[in-house]
Amino acid sequence: MESPPEGGASPRADFIGALVWMVLGGGIAAGAWRMDRLEHLHINRYEVPGLVPGLLGAALLLLGVLLALRALGRGALRPVKGAGAEAPTDTAGRARMAGVLGAMLLYPLVLVGHGLPFWLATSAFVSAFIFFFDRPRQSALGRSTARQALLALACGVLTGALVTFVFQELFYVRLP
């Protein structure tokens, strides 16, 4: 297995990630392009549905291409020494990733739109996410559990309030 550079991913991992970003970005851009332009409503071309998602999809696609080119330049497709050897497993990393994915599914499927107002669900999610997933770093900095909880709560409440304000007052989007 390739050894990653100090503090980074291996070129092969970057290349695989680049392919995923390119497919995701291309899919988003293609889906946005196929959206109805609403010409019959005389919509301004800068306000058509799909414009922002299309631009974001194109940006993901472009960044994926750049990542793939960098990975290729670093030797992503070179044969791996000891290719028959079994790769070491990182069970702690996989458990952490499963926790992150579970939390990401918990937010839209359970918290938002099921009895909790959006601002409260968002505040609770961000607070809990920061508290649980940033604990090792915070502990390494010598911060007490109470201080960690207070920092996470402050970030969560500010995020919930700011996101709610921006969407409801600036974008006029009615939130659940």
N, C-alpha and C. Protein backbone atom coordinates (compact mmCIF):
# COMPACT_ATOMS: atom_id res chain seq x y z
N MET A 1 0.85 -1.18 0.00
CA MET A 1 0.00 0.00 0.00
C MET A 1 0.89 1.23 0.00
N GLU A 2 0.45 2.28 -0.73
CA GLU A 2 1.23 3.49 -0.80
C GLU A 2 1.25 4.18 0.55
N SER A 3 2.40 4.73 0.88
CA SER A 3 2.45 5.49 2.12
C SER A 3 2.12 6.94 1.80
N PRO A 4 1.17 7.51 2.51
CA PRO A 4 0.79 8.89 2.22
C PRO A 4 1.90 9.84 2.63
N PRO A 5 1.96 10.99 1.98
CA PRO A 5 2.92 11.99 2.41
C PRO A 5 2.57 12.46 3.81
N GLU A 6 3.51 13.11 4.46
CA GLU A 6 3.31 13.58 5.83
C GLU A 6 2.03 14.41 5.93
N GLY A 7 1.07 13.91 6.71
CA GLY A 7 -0.17 14.64 6.95
C GLY A 7 -1.15 14.67 5.79
N GLY A 8 -0.99 13.80 4.79
CA GLY A 8 -1.90 13.85 3.64
C GLY A 8 -2.30 12.47 3.18
N ALA A 9 -3.19 12.44 2.20
CA ALA A 9 -3.67 11.18 1.64
C ALA A 9 -2.70 10.70 0.56
N SER A 10 -2.76 9.43 0.26
CA SER A 10 -1.92 8.88 -0.79
C SER A 10 -2.43 9.38 -2.15
N PRO A 11 -1.56 9.39 -3.17
CA PRO A 11 -2.01 9.82 -4.49
C PRO A 11 -3.16 8.98 -5.03
N ARG A 12 -3.13 7.67 -4.73
CA ARG A 12 -4.22 6.81 -5.20
C ARG A 12 -5.54 7.17 -4.52
N ALA A 13 -5.51 7.45 -3.22
CA ALA A 13 -6.73 7.85 -2.51
C ALA A 13 -7.24 9.18 -3.05
N ASP A 14 -6.33 10.12 -3.34
CA ASP A 14 -6.74 11.39 -3.94
C ASP A 14 -7.39 11.16 -5.30
N PHE A 15 -6.83 10.25 -6.08
CA PHE A 15 -7.36 9.98 -7.42
C PHE A 15 -8.77 9.39 -7.33
N ILE A 16 -8.96 8.46 -6.43
CA ILE A 16 -10.29 7.85 -6.25
C ILE A 16 -11.29 8.91 -5.78
N GLY A 17 -10.86 9.74 -4.82
CA GLY A 17 -11.72 10.83 -4.37
C GLY A 17 -12.05 11.79 -5.49
N ALA A 18 -11.06 12.08 -6.34
CA ALA A 18 -11.28 12.97 -7.48
C ALA A 18 -12.34 12.41 -8.41
N LEU A 19 -12.29 11.12 -8.67
CA LEU A 19 -13.30 10.50 -9.53
C LEU A 19 -14.69 10.64 -8.94
N VAL A 20 -14.80 10.45 -7.63
CA VAL A 20 -16.09 10.59 -6.97
C VAL A 20 -16.60 12.03 -7.10
N TRP A 21 -15.72 13.03 -6.85
CA TRP A 21 -16.12 14.44 -6.96
C TRP A 21 -16.50 14.79 -8.39
N MET A 22 -15.79 14.23 -9.37
CA MET A 22 -16.11 14.52 -10.77
C MET A 22 -17.48 13.96 -11.14
N VAL A 23 -17.79 12.74 -10.71
CA VAL A 23 -19.09 12.15 -11.00
C VAL A 23 -20.20 12.94 -10.30
N LEU A 24 -19.98 13.27 -9.03
CA LEU A 24 -20.99 14.03 -8.28
C LEU A 24 -21.21 15.41 -8.91
N GLY A 25 -20.13 16.13 -9.18
CA GLY A 25 -20.25 17.46 -9.79
C GLY A 25 -20.88 17.41 -11.16
N GLY A 26 -20.47 16.44 -11.97
CA GLY A 26 -21.06 16.30 -13.30
C GLY A 26 -22.55 15.97 -13.23
N GLY A 27 -22.93 15.11 -12.29
CA GLY A 27 -24.34 14.76 -12.12
C GLY A 27 -25.18 15.96 -11.69
N ILE A 28 -24.64 16.75 -10.76
CA ILE A 28 -25.36 17.94 -10.30
C ILE A 28 -25.50 18.94 -11.45
N ALA A 29 -24.40 19.18 -12.17
CA ALA A 29 -24.44 20.13 -13.29
C ALA A 29 -25.42 19.67 -14.37
N ALA A 30 -25.39 18.38 -14.68
CA ALA A 30 -26.30 17.85 -15.71
C ALA A 30 -27.76 17.96 -15.25
N GLY A 31 -28.02 17.64 -14.00
CA GLY A 31 -29.39 17.76 -13.48
C GLY A 31 -29.87 19.20 -13.48
N ALA A 32 -28.98 20.12 -13.13
CA ALA A 32 -29.34 21.54 -13.14
C ALA A 32 -29.61 22.03 -14.56
N TRP A 33 -28.82 21.56 -15.52
CA TRP A 33 -28.99 21.96 -16.92
C TRP A 33 -30.34 21.51 -17.46
N ARG A 34 -30.80 20.36 -16.99
CA ARG A 34 -32.06 19.79 -17.49
C ARG A 34 -33.29 20.39 -16.83
N MET A 35 -33.11 21.24 -15.81
CA MET A 35 -34.26 21.84 -15.13
C MET A 35 -35.00 22.80 -16.07
N ASP A 36 -36.29 22.95 -15.83
CA ASP A 36 -37.13 23.86 -16.61
C ASP A 36 -36.63 25.29 -16.44
N ARG A 37 -36.49 26.01 -17.55
CA ARG A 37 -35.98 27.39 -17.50
C ARG A 37 -37.10 28.40 -17.22
N LEU A 38 -38.34 27.96 -17.26
CA LEU A 38 -39.50 28.80 -16.98
C LEU A 38 -39.60 30.01 -17.92
N GLU A 39 -39.27 29.81 -19.21
CA GLU A 39 -39.36 30.90 -20.17
C GLU A 39 -40.77 31.45 -20.27
N HIS A 40 -41.77 30.58 -20.13
CA HIS A 40 -43.16 31.02 -20.25
C HIS A 40 -43.54 32.00 -19.14
N LEU A 41 -42.77 32.06 -18.07
CA LEU A 41 -43.03 33.01 -16.99
C LEU A 41 -42.14 34.25 -17.11
N HIS A 42 -41.34 34.31 -18.19
CA HIS A 42 -40.43 35.43 -18.44
C HIS A 42 -39.47 35.65 -17.27
N ILE A 43 -38.90 34.55 -16.79
CA ILE A 43 -37.93 34.60 -15.69
C ILE A 43 -36.61 35.16 -16.21
N ASN A 44 -36.01 36.05 -15.45
CA ASN A 44 -34.69 36.58 -15.77
C ASN A 44 -33.70 35.42 -15.85
N ARG A 45 -32.83 35.42 -16.85
CA ARG A 45 -31.91 34.29 -17.04
C ARG A 45 -30.95 34.11 -15.87
N TYR A 46 -30.75 35.13 -15.04
CA TYR A 46 -29.88 35.01 -13.88
C TYR A 46 -30.62 34.51 -12.64
N GLU A 47 -31.91 34.26 -12.79
CA GLU A 47 -32.73 33.78 -11.67
C GLU A 47 -33.37 32.43 -11.96
N VAL A 48 -32.99 31.78 -13.04
CA VAL A 48 -33.62 30.52 -13.40
C VAL A 48 -33.30 29.44 -12.37
N PRO A 49 -34.24 28.54 -12.17
CA PRO A 49 -33.96 27.41 -11.28
C PRO A 49 -32.78 26.61 -11.81
N GLY A 50 -31.94 26.20 -10.94
CA GLY A 50 -30.81 25.37 -11.34
C GLY A 50 -29.53 26.13 -11.62
N LEU A 51 -29.58 27.46 -11.63
CA LEU A 51 -28.38 28.23 -11.93
C LEU A 51 -27.30 28.01 -10.86
N VAL A 52 -27.66 28.23 -9.59
CA VAL A 52 -26.68 28.08 -8.52
C VAL A 52 -26.24 26.62 -8.38
N PRO A 53 -27.17 25.65 -8.34
CA PRO A 53 -26.70 24.26 -8.28
C PRO A 53 -25.82 23.89 -9.48
N GLY A 54 -26.15 24.42 -10.66
CA GLY A 54 -25.34 24.14 -11.84
C GLY A 54 -23.93 24.67 -11.70
N LEU A 55 -23.82 25.90 -11.19
CA LEU A 55 -22.49 26.48 -10.97
C LEU A 55 -21.71 25.70 -9.91
N LEU A 56 -22.40 25.32 -8.85
CA LEU A 56 -21.72 24.53 -7.80
C LEU A 56 -21.30 23.16 -8.33
N GLY A 57 -22.15 22.52 -9.13
CA GLY A 57 -21.79 21.23 -9.73
C GLY A 57 -20.61 21.37 -10.65
N ALA A 58 -20.60 22.43 -11.45
CA ALA A 58 -19.47 22.66 -12.36
C ALA A 58 -18.19 22.91 -11.57
N ALA A 59 -18.30 23.63 -10.45
CA ALA A 59 -17.12 23.88 -9.60
C ALA A 59 -16.60 22.57 -9.01
N LEU A 60 -17.51 21.71 -8.54
CA LEU A 60 -17.08 20.41 -8.02
C LEU A 60 -16.39 19.58 -9.10
N LEU A 61 -16.95 19.60 -10.28
CA LEU A 61 -16.36 18.87 -11.41
C LEU A 61 -14.95 19.41 -11.71
N LEU A 62 -14.81 20.72 -11.78
CA LEU A 62 -13.51 21.32 -12.07
C LEU A 62 -12.49 21.00 -10.98
N LEU A 63 -12.90 21.13 -9.72
CA LEU A 63 -11.98 20.82 -8.62
C LEU A 63 -11.62 19.34 -8.60
N GLY A 64 -12.56 18.48 -8.98
CA GLY A 64 -12.26 17.05 -9.09
C GLY A 64 -11.22 16.78 -10.18
N VAL A 65 -11.35 17.48 -11.30
CA VAL A 65 -10.37 17.33 -12.38
C VAL A 65 -8.99 17.79 -11.91
N LEU A 66 -8.94 18.93 -11.21
CA LEU A 66 -7.66 19.43 -10.71
C LEU A 66 -7.04 18.46 -9.70
N LEU A 67 -7.87 17.89 -8.83
CA LEU A 67 -7.36 16.91 -7.86
C LEU A 67 -6.85 15.66 -8.57
N ALA A 68 -7.56 15.22 -9.61
CA ALA A 68 -7.12 14.04 -10.37
C ALA A 68 -5.79 14.32 -11.06
N LEU A 69 -5.64 15.49 -11.64
CA LEU A 69 -4.39 15.84 -12.31
C LEU A 69 -3.23 15.87 -11.32
N ARG A 70 -3.47 16.43 -10.14
CA ARG A 70 -2.43 16.45 -9.11
C ARG A 70 -2.07 15.04 -8.67
N ALA A 71 -3.08 14.20 -8.48
CA ALA A 71 -2.83 12.83 -8.05
C ALA A 71 -2.06 12.06 -9.12
N LEU A 72 -2.41 12.28 -10.38
CA LEU A 72 -1.68 11.62 -11.46
C LEU A 72 -0.23 12.08 -11.49
N GLY A 73 -0.01 13.37 -11.27
CA GLY A 73 1.34 13.90 -11.22
C GLY A 73 2.16 13.34 -10.07
N ARG A 74 1.49 12.93 -8.99
CA ARG A 74 2.17 12.34 -7.84
C ARG A 74 2.28 10.82 -7.95
N GLY A 75 1.84 10.26 -9.07
CA GLY A 75 2.01 8.82 -9.29
C GLY A 75 0.86 7.95 -8.85
N ALA A 76 -0.35 8.40 -8.99
CA ALA A 76 -1.52 7.65 -8.54
C ALA A 76 -1.70 6.32 -9.26
N LEU A 77 -1.22 6.24 -10.50
CA LEU A 77 -1.44 5.01 -11.28
C LEU A 77 -0.20 4.11 -11.34
N ARG A 78 0.84 4.47 -10.63
CA ARG A 78 2.02 3.61 -10.59
C ARG A 78 1.69 2.33 -9.85
N PRO A 79 2.32 1.21 -10.24
CA PRO A 79 2.08 -0.03 -9.51
C PRO A 79 2.47 0.12 -8.04
N VAL A 80 1.70 -0.52 -7.20
CA VAL A 80 1.94 -0.45 -5.77
C VAL A 80 2.92 -1.54 -5.37
N LYS A 81 3.93 -1.17 -4.59
CA LYS A 81 4.89 -2.17 -4.10
C LYS A 81 4.19 -3.05 -3.08
N GLY A 82 4.40 -4.34 -3.19
CA GLY A 82 3.75 -5.28 -2.27
C GLY A 82 2.25 -5.30 -2.46
N ALA A 83 1.82 -5.31 -3.72
CA ALA A 83 0.39 -5.21 -4.02
C ALA A 83 -0.41 -6.37 -3.46
N GLY A 84 0.22 -7.51 -3.22
CA GLY A 84 -0.51 -8.66 -2.69
C GLY A 84 -0.76 -8.58 -1.20
N ALA A 85 -0.09 -7.66 -0.52
CA ALA A 85 -0.23 -7.56 0.93
C ALA A 85 -1.59 -6.98 1.29
N GLU A 86 -2.11 -7.43 2.39
CA GLU A 86 -3.40 -6.95 2.85
C GLU A 86 -3.23 -5.58 3.51
N ALA A 87 -4.10 -4.66 3.18
CA ALA A 87 -4.03 -3.31 3.73
C ALA A 87 -4.41 -3.34 5.21
N PRO A 88 -3.73 -2.52 5.99
CA PRO A 88 -4.09 -2.46 7.41
C PRO A 88 -5.48 -1.85 7.58
N THR A 89 -6.20 -2.30 8.58
CA THR A 89 -7.54 -1.76 8.81
C THR A 89 -7.49 -0.73 9.93
N ASP A 90 -8.24 0.31 9.77
CA ASP A 90 -8.32 1.39 10.74
C ASP A 90 -9.74 1.36 11.31
N THR A 91 -9.96 0.50 12.30
CA THR A 91 -11.32 0.34 12.83
C THR A 91 -11.79 1.59 13.56
N ALA A 92 -10.90 2.29 14.24
CA ALA A 92 -11.30 3.52 14.93
C ALA A 92 -11.75 4.57 13.92
N GLY A 93 -11.00 4.69 12.82
CA GLY A 93 -11.36 5.65 11.78
C GLY A 93 -12.68 5.29 11.12
N ARG A 94 -12.89 4.00 10.90
CA ARG A 94 -14.15 3.57 10.28
C ARG A 94 -15.33 3.79 11.22
N ALA A 95 -15.12 3.55 12.51
CA ALA A 95 -16.19 3.78 13.48
C ALA A 95 -16.53 5.27 13.55
N ARG A 96 -15.50 6.10 13.51
CA ARG A 96 -15.72 7.55 13.52
C ARG A 96 -16.49 7.99 12.27
N MET A 97 -16.11 7.45 11.12
CA MET A 97 -16.80 7.79 9.87
C MET A 97 -18.26 7.32 9.92
N ALA A 98 -18.50 6.16 10.46
CA ALA A 98 -19.88 5.67 10.60
C ALA A 98 -20.68 6.59 11.51
N GLY A 99 -20.04 7.08 12.57
CA GLY A 99 -20.71 8.03 13.47
C GLY A 99 -21.06 9.32 12.77
N VAL A 100 -20.13 9.83 11.96
CA VAL A 100 -20.37 11.07 11.20
C VAL A 100 -21.52 10.86 10.23
N LEU A 101 -21.49 9.75 9.48
CA LEU A 101 -22.56 9.49 8.51
C LEU A 101 -23.90 9.31 9.21
N GLY A 102 -23.90 8.62 10.35
CA GLY A 102 -25.14 8.46 11.12
C GLY A 102 -25.70 9.79 11.59
N ALA A 103 -24.81 10.66 12.07
CA ALA A 103 -25.25 11.99 12.51
C ALA A 103 -25.79 12.80 11.35
N MET A 104 -25.14 12.69 10.20
CA MET A 104 -25.59 13.42 9.03
C MET A 104 -26.97 12.94 8.56
N LEU A 105 -27.27 11.68 8.75
CA LEU A 105 -28.59 11.18 8.40
C LEU A 105 -29.62 11.52 9.48
N LEU A 106 -29.19 11.55 10.73
CA LEU A 106 -30.08 11.87 11.83
C LEU A 106 -30.67 13.28 11.68
N TYR A 107 -29.85 14.21 11.25
CA TYR A 107 -30.31 15.60 11.14
C TYR A 107 -31.50 15.75 10.20
N PRO A 108 -31.41 15.35 8.92
CA PRO A 108 -32.58 15.59 8.05
C PRO A 108 -33.71 14.60 8.26
N LEU A 109 -33.40 13.37 8.65
CA LEU A 109 -34.45 12.35 8.74
C LEU A 109 -35.21 12.36 10.06
N VAL A 110 -34.57 12.84 11.13
CA VAL A 110 -35.22 12.78 12.44
C VAL A 110 -35.46 14.18 13.02
N LEU A 111 -34.44 15.03 12.99
CA LEU A 111 -34.55 16.32 13.68
C LEU A 111 -35.37 17.36 12.90
N VAL A 112 -35.06 17.54 11.64
CA VAL A 112 -35.71 18.61 10.87
C VAL A 112 -37.09 18.16 10.40
N GLY A 113 -38.07 18.98 10.70
CA GLY A 113 -39.42 18.72 10.22
C GLY A 113 -40.23 17.71 11.01
N HIS A 114 -39.74 17.29 12.15
CA HIS A 114 -40.48 16.31 12.96
C HIS A 114 -40.72 16.85 14.37
N GLY A 115 -41.36 17.99 14.45
CA GLY A 115 -41.72 18.54 15.75
C GLY A 115 -40.80 19.64 16.24
N LEU A 116 -39.52 19.60 15.89
CA LEU A 116 -38.61 20.66 16.33
C LEU A 116 -38.58 21.78 15.30
N PRO A 117 -38.58 23.02 15.75
CA PRO A 117 -38.40 24.11 14.79
C PRO A 117 -37.00 24.01 14.16
N PHE A 118 -36.86 24.51 12.96
CA PHE A 118 -35.58 24.40 12.23
C PHE A 118 -34.42 24.96 13.03
N TRP A 119 -34.59 26.14 13.63
CA TRP A 119 -33.49 26.78 14.35
C TRP A 119 -33.03 25.92 15.51
N LEU A 120 -33.97 25.26 16.21
CA LEU A 120 -33.62 24.43 17.35
C LEU A 120 -32.94 23.14 16.90
N ALA A 121 -33.48 22.52 15.85
CA ALA A 121 -32.87 21.29 15.32
C ALA A 121 -31.44 21.56 14.84
N THR A 122 -31.25 22.67 14.14
CA THR A 122 -29.93 23.02 13.64
C THR A 122 -28.97 23.33 14.78
N SER A 123 -29.44 24.09 15.75
CA SER A 123 -28.59 24.41 16.91
C SER A 123 -28.19 23.15 17.67
N ALA A 124 -29.14 22.26 17.90
CA ALA A 124 -28.85 21.03 18.62
C ALA A 124 -27.87 20.15 17.84
N PHE A 125 -28.10 20.02 16.54
CA PHE A 125 -27.23 19.19 15.71
C PHE A 125 -25.80 19.72 15.70
N VAL A 126 -25.64 21.00 15.42
CA VAL A 126 -24.29 21.58 15.34
C VAL A 126 -23.59 21.50 16.69
N SER A 127 -24.31 21.79 17.76
CA SER A 127 -23.71 21.70 19.10
C SER A 127 -23.24 20.29 19.42
N ALA A 128 -24.10 19.32 19.20
CA ALA A 128 -23.73 17.93 19.49
C ALA A 128 -22.60 17.45 18.58
N PHE A 129 -22.66 17.80 17.31
CA PHE A 129 -21.63 17.37 16.37
C PHE A 129 -20.27 17.91 16.78
N ILE A 130 -20.20 19.20 17.08
CA ILE A 130 -18.93 19.79 17.50
C ILE A 130 -18.46 19.17 18.81
N PHE A 131 -19.37 19.02 19.76
CA PHE A 131 -18.96 18.48 21.06
C PHE A 131 -18.39 17.07 20.94
N PHE A 132 -19.07 16.20 20.22
CA PHE A 132 -18.62 14.81 20.16
C PHE A 132 -17.46 14.57 19.21
N PHE A 133 -17.45 15.25 18.08
CA PHE A 133 -16.42 14.96 17.09
C PHE A 133 -15.18 15.84 17.21
N ASP A 134 -15.23 16.88 18.03
CA ASP A 134 -14.06 17.73 18.23
C ASP A 134 -13.42 17.52 19.61
N ARG A 135 -13.96 16.58 20.38
CA ARG A 135 -13.45 16.35 21.74
C ARG A 135 -11.97 15.99 21.79
N PRO A 136 -11.48 15.08 20.94
CA PRO A 136 -10.05 14.75 21.04
C PRO A 136 -9.15 15.99 20.86
N ARG A 137 -9.48 16.82 19.89
CA ARG A 137 -8.66 18.02 19.65
C ARG A 137 -8.79 19.00 20.82
N GLN A 138 -10.00 19.19 21.30
CA GLN A 138 -10.21 20.11 22.41
C GLN A 138 -9.52 19.61 23.68
N SER A 139 -9.58 18.31 23.92
CA SER A 139 -8.91 17.73 25.10
C SER A 139 -7.40 17.89 24.99
N ALA A 140 -6.87 17.74 23.78
CA ALA A 140 -5.43 17.91 23.57
C ALA A 140 -5.00 19.34 23.84
N LEU A 141 -5.91 20.29 23.66
CA LEU A 141 -5.62 21.69 23.96
C LEU A 141 -5.76 21.99 25.45
N GLY A 142 -6.18 20.98 26.22
CA GLY A 142 -6.31 21.15 27.67
C GLY A 142 -7.61 21.79 28.11
N ARG A 143 -8.62 21.79 27.25
CA ARG A 143 -9.90 22.40 27.61
C ARG A 143 -10.74 21.40 28.40
N SER A 144 -11.40 21.88 29.44
CA SER A 144 -12.25 21.03 30.27
C SER A 144 -13.50 20.64 29.49
N THR A 145 -14.17 19.59 29.96
CA THR A 145 -15.40 19.14 29.32
C THR A 145 -16.46 20.24 29.35
N ALA A 146 -16.54 20.97 30.47
CA ALA A 146 -17.52 22.05 30.57
C ALA A 146 -17.23 23.14 29.55
N ARG A 147 -15.97 23.48 29.38
CA ARG A 147 -15.62 24.51 28.39
C ARG A 147 -15.90 24.02 26.97
N GLN A 148 -15.61 22.74 26.73
CA GLN A 148 -15.91 22.17 25.41
C GLN A 148 -17.40 22.25 25.12
N ALA A 149 -18.21 21.89 26.11
CA ALA A 149 -19.66 21.92 25.94
C ALA A 149 -20.15 23.35 25.70
N LEU A 150 -19.60 24.30 26.43
CA LEU A 150 -19.99 25.70 26.27
C LEU A 150 -19.61 26.22 24.89
N LEU A 151 -18.42 25.90 24.41
CA LEU A 151 -18.00 26.32 23.08
C LEU A 151 -18.88 25.70 22.00
N ALA A 152 -19.18 24.41 22.15
CA ALA A 152 -20.03 23.72 21.17
C ALA A 152 -21.43 24.33 21.17
N LEU A 153 -21.95 24.61 22.34
CA LEU A 153 -23.29 25.20 22.44
C LEU A 153 -23.32 26.60 21.81
N ALA A 154 -22.30 27.39 22.07
CA ALA A 154 -22.24 28.73 21.48
C ALA A 154 -22.19 28.65 19.95
N CYS A 155 -21.35 27.77 19.42
CA CYS A 155 -21.27 27.60 17.96
C CYS A 155 -22.60 27.12 17.39
N GLY A 156 -23.24 26.18 18.07
CA GLY A 156 -24.51 25.64 17.60
C GLY A 156 -25.61 26.67 17.58
N VAL A 157 -25.74 27.44 18.66
CA VAL A 157 -26.80 28.44 18.75
C VAL A 157 -26.57 29.54 17.71
N LEU A 158 -25.32 29.99 17.58
CA LEU A 158 -25.02 31.02 16.58
C LEU A 158 -25.29 30.51 15.17
N THR A 159 -24.91 29.28 14.89
CA THR A 159 -25.16 28.71 13.56
C THR A 159 -26.65 28.60 13.28
N GLY A 160 -27.41 28.06 14.24
CA GLY A 160 -28.86 27.93 14.06
C GLY A 160 -29.52 29.27 13.82
N ALA A 161 -29.13 30.29 14.60
CA ALA A 161 -29.72 31.62 14.44
C ALA A 161 -29.33 32.25 13.11
N LEU A 162 -28.07 32.15 12.75
CA LEU A 162 -27.59 32.78 11.52
C LEU A 162 -28.20 32.12 10.27
N VAL A 163 -28.22 30.80 10.24
CA VAL A 163 -28.78 30.09 9.09
C VAL A 163 -30.28 30.41 8.96
N THR A 164 -30.99 30.40 10.06
CA THR A 164 -32.41 30.71 10.04
C THR A 164 -32.64 32.14 9.54
N PHE A 165 -31.87 33.09 10.06
CA PHE A 165 -32.02 34.48 9.64
C PHE A 165 -31.75 34.64 8.15
N VAL A 166 -30.64 34.08 7.68
CA VAL A 166 -30.26 34.24 6.27
C VAL A 166 -31.33 33.66 5.35
N PHE A 167 -31.78 32.44 5.65
CA PHE A 167 -32.75 31.82 4.75
C PHE A 167 -34.12 32.48 4.82
N GLN A 168 -34.59 32.81 6.02
CA GLN A 168 -35.94 33.37 6.14
C GLN A 168 -36.01 34.84 5.80
N GLU A 169 -35.02 35.62 6.21
CA GLU A 169 -35.09 37.07 6.03
C GLU A 169 -34.42 37.56 4.75
N LEU A 170 -33.38 36.91 4.31
CA LEU A 170 -32.67 37.37 3.11
C LEU A 170 -33.12 36.63 1.85
N PHE A 171 -33.28 35.30 1.96
CA PHE A 171 -33.67 34.51 0.80
C PHE A 171 -35.17 34.25 0.75
N TYR A 172 -35.89 34.62 1.78
CA TYR A 172 -37.34 34.42 1.87
C TYR A 172 -37.74 32.96 1.69
N VAL A 173 -37.00 32.07 2.29
CA VAL A 173 -37.30 30.65 2.24
C VAL A 173 -37.97 30.28 3.55
N ARG A 174 -39.14 29.70 3.45
CA ARG A 174 -39.87 29.27 4.64
C ARG A 174 -39.26 27.96 5.13
N LEU A 175 -38.78 27.95 6.35
CA LEU A 175 -38.12 26.76 6.90
C LEU A 175 -39.11 25.96 7.74
N PRO A 176 -38.87 24.65 7.82
CA PRO A 176 -39.79 23.80 8.61
C PRO A 176 -39.74 24.13 10.09
